[in-house]
Structures are given as C-alpha cells and as structure tokens.
C-alpha atoms as a PDB file:
ATOM      1  CA  UNK A   1      19.113  27.831 -37.374  1.00  0.00           C
ATOM      2  CA  UNK A   2      20.216  24.848 -35.317  1.00  0.00           C
ATOM      3  CA  UNK A   3      17.776  22.166 -34.271  1.00  0.00           C
ATOM      4  CA  UNK A   4      17.655  21.052 -30.643  1.00  0.00           C
ATOM      5  CA  UNK A   5      15.568  18.328 -29.002  1.00  0.00           C
ATOM      6  CA  UNK A   6      12.499  19.671 -27.243  1.00  0.00           C
ATOM      7  CA  UNK A   7      12.389  19.888 -23.445  1.00  0.00           C
ATOM      8  CA  UNK A   8       9.554  17.888 -21.904  1.00  0.00           C
ATOM      9  CA  UNK A   9       8.585  20.159 -19.000  1.00  0.00           C
ATOM     10  CA  UNK A  10       6.379  22.666 -20.895  1.00  0.00           C
ATOM     11  CA  UNK A  11       3.026  21.058 -21.764  1.00  0.00           C
ATOM     12  CA  UNK A  12      -0.718  21.474 -21.396  1.00  0.00           C
ATOM     13  CA  UNK A  13      -3.696  19.128 -21.155  1.00  0.00           C
ATOM     14  CA  UNK A  14      -7.172  19.982 -22.451  1.00  0.00           C
ATOM     15  CA  UNK A  15     -10.133  17.755 -21.636  1.00  0.00           C
ATOM     16  CA  UNK A  16     -13.685  18.577 -22.548  1.00  0.00           C
ATOM     17  CA  UNK A  17     -12.853  22.218 -23.282  1.00  0.00           C
ATOM     18  CA  UNK A  18     -11.174  22.898 -19.920  1.00  0.00           C
ATOM     19  CA  UNK A  19      -7.410  23.250 -19.501  1.00  0.00           C
ATOM     20  CA  UNK A  20      -6.151  21.693 -16.298  1.00  0.00           C
ATOM     21  CA  UNK A  21      -2.617  21.931 -14.935  1.00  0.00           C
ATOM     22  CA  UNK A  22      -0.861  18.601 -14.479  1.00  0.00           C
ATOM     23  CA  UNK A  23       2.618  17.886 -13.157  1.00  0.00           C
ATOM     24  CA  UNK A  24       3.133  14.684 -15.123  1.00  0.00           C
ATOM     25  CA  UNK A  25       1.734  12.806 -18.111  1.00  0.00           C
ATOM     26  CA  UNK A  26       2.868   9.232 -18.738  1.00  0.00           C
ATOM     27  CA  UNK A  27       1.825   6.259 -20.854  1.00  0.00           C
ATOM     28  CA  UNK A  28       1.592   7.860 -24.297  1.00  0.00           C
ATOM     29  CA  UNK A  29       2.414   4.491 -25.853  1.00  0.00           C
ATOM     30  CA  UNK A  30       1.035   2.832 -28.951  1.00  0.00           C
ATOM     31  CA  UNK A  31       1.934  -0.624 -30.206  1.00  0.00           C
ATOM     32  CA  UNK A  32       1.003  -2.455 -33.385  1.00  0.00           C
ATOM     33  CA  UNK A  33       0.241  -6.087 -32.677  1.00  0.00           C
ATOM     34  CA  UNK A  34       1.982  -8.619 -34.908  1.00  0.00           C
ATOM     35  CA  UNK A  35       0.053 -11.305 -36.783  1.00  0.00           C
ATOM     36  CA  UNK A  36       2.117 -14.319 -37.781  1.00  0.00           C
ATOM     37  CA  UNK A  37       0.906 -16.217 -40.838  1.00  0.00           C
ATOM     38  CA  UNK A  38       2.201 -19.002 -43.021  1.00  0.00           C
ATOM     39  CA  UNK A  39       0.505 -20.687 -45.975  1.00  0.00           C
ATOM     40  CA  UNK A  40       0.779 -24.457 -46.059  1.00  0.00           C
ATOM     41  CA  UNK A  41       2.406 -24.498 -49.491  1.00  0.00           C
ATOM     42  CA  UNK A  42       4.915 -21.716 -48.775  1.00  0.00           C
ATOM     43  CA  UNK A  43       8.492 -22.591 -49.843  1.00  0.00           C
ATOM     44  CA  UNK A  44       9.814 -20.639 -46.845  1.00  0.00           C
ATOM     45  CA  UNK A  45      10.084 -22.381 -43.485  1.00  0.00           C
ATOM     46  CA  UNK A  46       9.215 -19.240 -41.584  1.00  0.00           C
ATOM     47  CA  UNK A  47       6.112 -17.193 -40.912  1.00  0.00           C
ATOM     48  CA  UNK A  48       5.205 -13.840 -42.431  1.00  0.00           C
ATOM     49  CA  UNK A  49       4.801 -11.046 -39.919  1.00  0.00           C
ATOM     50  CA  UNK A  50       1.869  -8.795 -40.747  1.00  0.00           C
ATOM     51  CA  UNK A  51       0.793  -5.625 -38.899  1.00  0.00           C
ATOM     52  CA  UNK A  52      -2.393  -6.121 -36.906  1.00  0.00           C
ATOM     53  CA  UNK A  53      -4.540  -4.011 -34.599  1.00  0.00           C
ATOM     54  CA  UNK A  54      -3.135  -1.072 -32.681  1.00  0.00           C
ATOM     55  CA  UNK A  55      -2.996  -1.317 -28.903  1.00  0.00           C
ATOM     56  CA  UNK A  56      -2.877   1.757 -26.668  1.00  0.00           C
ATOM     57  CA  UNK A  57      -1.481   1.989 -23.148  1.00  0.00           C
ATOM     58  CA  UNK A  58      -3.454   3.720 -20.400  1.00  0.00           C
ATOM     59  CA  UNK A  59      -2.394   7.338 -19.886  1.00  0.00           C
ATOM     60  CA  UNK A  60      -1.743   8.537 -16.344  1.00  0.00           C
ATOM     61  CA  UNK A  61      -2.163  12.216 -15.457  1.00  0.00           C
ATOM     62  CA  UNK A  62      -0.827  13.543 -12.131  1.00  0.00           C
ATOM     63  CA  UNK A  63      -1.534  16.873 -10.492  1.00  0.00           C
ATOM     64  CA  UNK A  64      -1.451  18.664  -7.167  1.00  0.00           C
ATOM     65  CA  UNK A  65      -4.555  18.397  -5.006  1.00  0.00           C
ATOM     66  CA  UNK A  66      -6.576  21.627  -5.203  1.00  0.00           C
ATOM     67  CA  UNK A  67      -9.252  22.326  -2.593  1.00  0.00           C
ATOM     68  CA  UNK A  68     -12.848  22.379  -3.911  1.00  0.00           C
ATOM     69  CA  UNK A  69     -11.819  21.485  -7.493  1.00  0.00           C
ATOM     70  CA  UNK A  70     -14.204  18.616  -8.189  1.00  0.00           C
ATOM     71  CA  UNK A  71     -14.268  18.427 -12.007  1.00  0.00           C
ATOM     72  CA  UNK A  72     -11.787  15.580 -11.731  1.00  0.00           C
ATOM     73  CA  UNK A  73     -14.040  13.490  -9.467  1.00  0.00           C
ATOM     74  CA  UNK A  74     -17.312  14.492 -11.120  1.00  0.00           C
ATOM     75  CA  UNK A  75     -16.020  13.068 -14.393  1.00  0.00           C
ATOM     76  CA  UNK A  76     -14.930   9.837 -12.691  1.00  0.00           C
ATOM     77  CA  UNK A  77     -18.334   9.546 -10.997  1.00  0.00           C
ATOM     78  CA  UNK A  78     -20.025   9.315 -14.421  1.00  0.00           C
ATOM     79  CA  UNK A  79     -18.324   5.926 -14.766  1.00  0.00           C
ATOM     80  CA  UNK A  80     -19.518   4.804 -11.342  1.00  0.00           C
ATOM     81  CA  UNK A  81     -23.102   5.756 -12.251  1.00  0.00           C
ATOM     82  CA  UNK A  82     -22.917   3.561 -15.383  1.00  0.00           C
ATOM     83  CA  UNK A  83     -23.355   6.421 -17.835  1.00  0.00           C
ATOM     84  CA  UNK A  84     -19.803   7.017 -18.961  1.00  0.00           C
ATOM     85  CA  UNK A  85     -19.036  10.538 -20.136  1.00  0.00           C
ATOM     86  CA  UNK A  86     -16.414  10.156 -22.842  1.00  0.00           C
ATOM     87  CA  UNK A  87     -14.180  13.123 -23.642  1.00  0.00           C
ATOM     88  CA  UNK A  88     -11.571  13.901 -26.233  1.00  0.00           C
ATOM     89  CA  UNK A  89      -8.294  14.841 -24.561  1.00  0.00           C
ATOM     90  CA  UNK A  90      -5.514  16.844 -26.183  1.00  0.00           C
ATOM     91  CA  UNK A  91      -2.000  16.778 -24.725  1.00  0.00           C
ATOM     92  CA  UNK A  92       0.386  19.338 -26.233  1.00  0.00           C
ATOM     93  CA  UNK A  93       4.127  19.753 -25.848  1.00  0.00           C
ATOM     94  CA  UNK A  94       4.790  23.509 -26.085  1.00  0.00           C
ATOM     95  CA  UNK A  95       7.711  25.576 -27.348  1.00  0.00           C
ATOM     96  CA  UNK A  96       9.122  28.812 -25.872  1.00  0.00           C
ATOM     97  CA  UNK A  97       6.273  30.830 -27.435  1.00  0.00           C
ATOM     98  CA  UNK A  98       3.701  28.494 -25.784  1.00  0.00           C
ATOM     99  CA  UNK A  99       2.672  27.105 -29.188  1.00  0.00           C
ATOM    100  CA  UNK A 100       2.076  23.361 -29.586  1.00  0.00           C
ATOM    101  CA  UNK A 101       4.900  21.555 -31.392  1.00  0.00           C
ATOM    102  CA  UNK A 102       3.797  17.975 -30.685  1.00  0.00           C
ATOM    103  CA  UNK A 103       0.187  16.988 -30.023  1.00  0.00           C
ATOM    104  CA  UNK A 104      -1.377  13.738 -28.816  1.00  0.00           C
ATOM    105  CA  UNK A 105      -5.149  13.480 -29.282  1.00  0.00           C
ATOM    106  CA  UNK A 106      -6.980  10.809 -27.299  1.00  0.00           C
ATOM    107  CA  UNK A 107     -10.435   9.973 -28.647  1.00  0.00           C
ATOM    108  CA  UNK A 108     -13.388   8.896 -26.466  1.00  0.00           C
ATOM    109  CA  UNK A 109     -11.433   8.861 -23.219  1.00  0.00           C
ATOM    110  CA  UNK A 110     -12.825   8.087 -19.772  1.00  0.00           C
ATOM    111  CA  UNK A 111     -11.385   7.844 -16.287  1.00  0.00           C
ATOM    112  CA  UNK A 112     -10.689   4.231 -15.325  1.00  0.00           C
ATOM    113  CA  UNK A 113      -8.828   4.803 -12.060  1.00  0.00           C
ATOM    114  CA  UNK A 114      -8.355   7.611  -9.559  1.00  0.00           C
ATOM    115  CA  UNK A 115      -5.477   7.457  -7.106  1.00  0.00           C
ATOM    116  CA  UNK A 116      -5.517   9.825  -4.153  1.00  0.00           C
ATOM    117  CA  UNK A 117      -2.416  11.168  -2.485  1.00  0.00           C
ATOM    118  CA  UNK A 118      -0.566   9.286   0.206  1.00  0.00           C
ATOM    119  CA  UNK A 119      -0.554  10.914   3.632  1.00  0.00           C
ATOM    120  CA  UNK A 120       2.554  11.180   5.836  1.00  0.00           C
ATOM    121  CA  UNK A 121       2.755  13.002   9.146  1.00  0.00           C
ATOM    122  CA  UNK A 122       6.456  13.788   8.648  1.00  0.00           C
ATOM    123  CA  UNK A 123       6.205  14.574   4.912  1.00  0.00           C
ATOM    124  CA  UNK A 124       7.029  17.915   3.337  1.00  0.00           C
ATOM    125  CA  UNK A 125       5.740  17.341  -0.197  1.00  0.00           C
ATOM    126  CA  UNK A 126       2.775  18.585  -2.167  1.00  0.00           C
ATOM    127  CA  UNK A 127      -0.272  16.306  -2.185  1.00  0.00           C
ATOM    128  CA  UNK A 128      -0.421  14.650  -5.636  1.00  0.00           C
ATOM    129  CA  UNK A 129      -3.404  12.789  -7.089  1.00  0.00           C
ATOM    130  CA  UNK A 130      -3.574  10.881 -10.352  1.00  0.00           C
ATOM    131  CA  UNK A 131      -6.139   9.679 -12.860  1.00  0.00           C
ATOM    132  CA  UNK A 132      -5.666   6.818 -15.292  1.00  0.00           C
ATOM    133  CA  UNK A 133      -7.317   7.371 -18.660  1.00  0.00           C
ATOM    134  CA  UNK A 134      -8.415   4.741 -21.180  1.00  0.00           C
ATOM    135  CA  UNK A 135      -9.423   5.694 -24.712  1.00  0.00           C
ATOM    136  CA  UNK A 136     -10.388   4.266 -28.112  1.00  0.00           C
ATOM    137  CA  UNK A 137      -7.660   5.704 -30.341  1.00  0.00           C
ATOM    138  CA  UNK A 138      -4.757   8.163 -30.423  1.00  0.00           C
ATOM    139  CA  UNK A 139      -3.358  10.403 -33.127  1.00  0.00           C
ATOM    140  CA  UNK A 140       0.065  12.056 -32.919  1.00  0.00           C
ATOM    141  CA  UNK A 141       1.003  15.263 -34.733  1.00  0.00           C
ATOM    142  CA  UNK A 142       4.569  16.584 -34.858  1.00  0.00           C
ATOM    143  CA  UNK A 143       4.163  20.172 -36.050  1.00  0.00           C
END
C-alpha cells in the first residue's frame, strides 16, 4: 500500500462535548524556547543552547454564522463575567472513513477574542465569524 500525504480539508472540532462545524482552524503551533547558558570556566567561547519552556500560539477557529446558535457567545461571556469556563478542545484530522488520524488536544482552553463577520452591501459571501482560543498545553497524536 502506498503512503500519501493527508488532505487538510476533512476535520472536526470538539469542545466541551459538543461537535461544532468550522471552516478553518489555524495556529496549531508550538515552540520550545531556547535558554542560552555558559559557565565562566568553560573552555568553549560559545554558549550552550538548552531547551526551555514550551510556548503555544493562539488557535483561531472560523465558522459560518448560524442564526440562534449562541453556544459560541455564551462561552465567551463566561470570560467577561470573570468566571472563566475552561474547556478541553480536541481537533482531529480525519481520513476517508471519518476516523481521526492526527489529533491535537488543547487543555484548559478559553475564548480570548471573538471576531464578528464584516458586512458589505455588495458582497456575495457567507458570513464568517471567528474565535481565538488560548490554552495551557497541547498534545499531538499522529495515529
């Protein structure tokens, strides 16, 4: 059997037990910060580079505006009321059989920013809204 790279258009997002359809997920980035260190009596005239803390980018989720679907905004309002509801979010890249083949798990996520759609009188596009998610940690599984 030949191996092909996976297409990126077949995915699902689960947050707090509910599956919500999104058109785009971006920002699944993780970076390990570099610590530079050199002892005073080191014979080398350069610094050692040591792995430090991990740093995660904010994840942006975009979807079409759906009338009377307020779960999105209700979750964001928990931040505004100063009692943040943190959720674990699972983003899965799916194969042809709709089974997850790559999974990103975001731990203790909350909505930091909501962006509503732009409005244009001469536009012919679907109204798209987005939410920016921040979280404590991410795990990646390639199944």
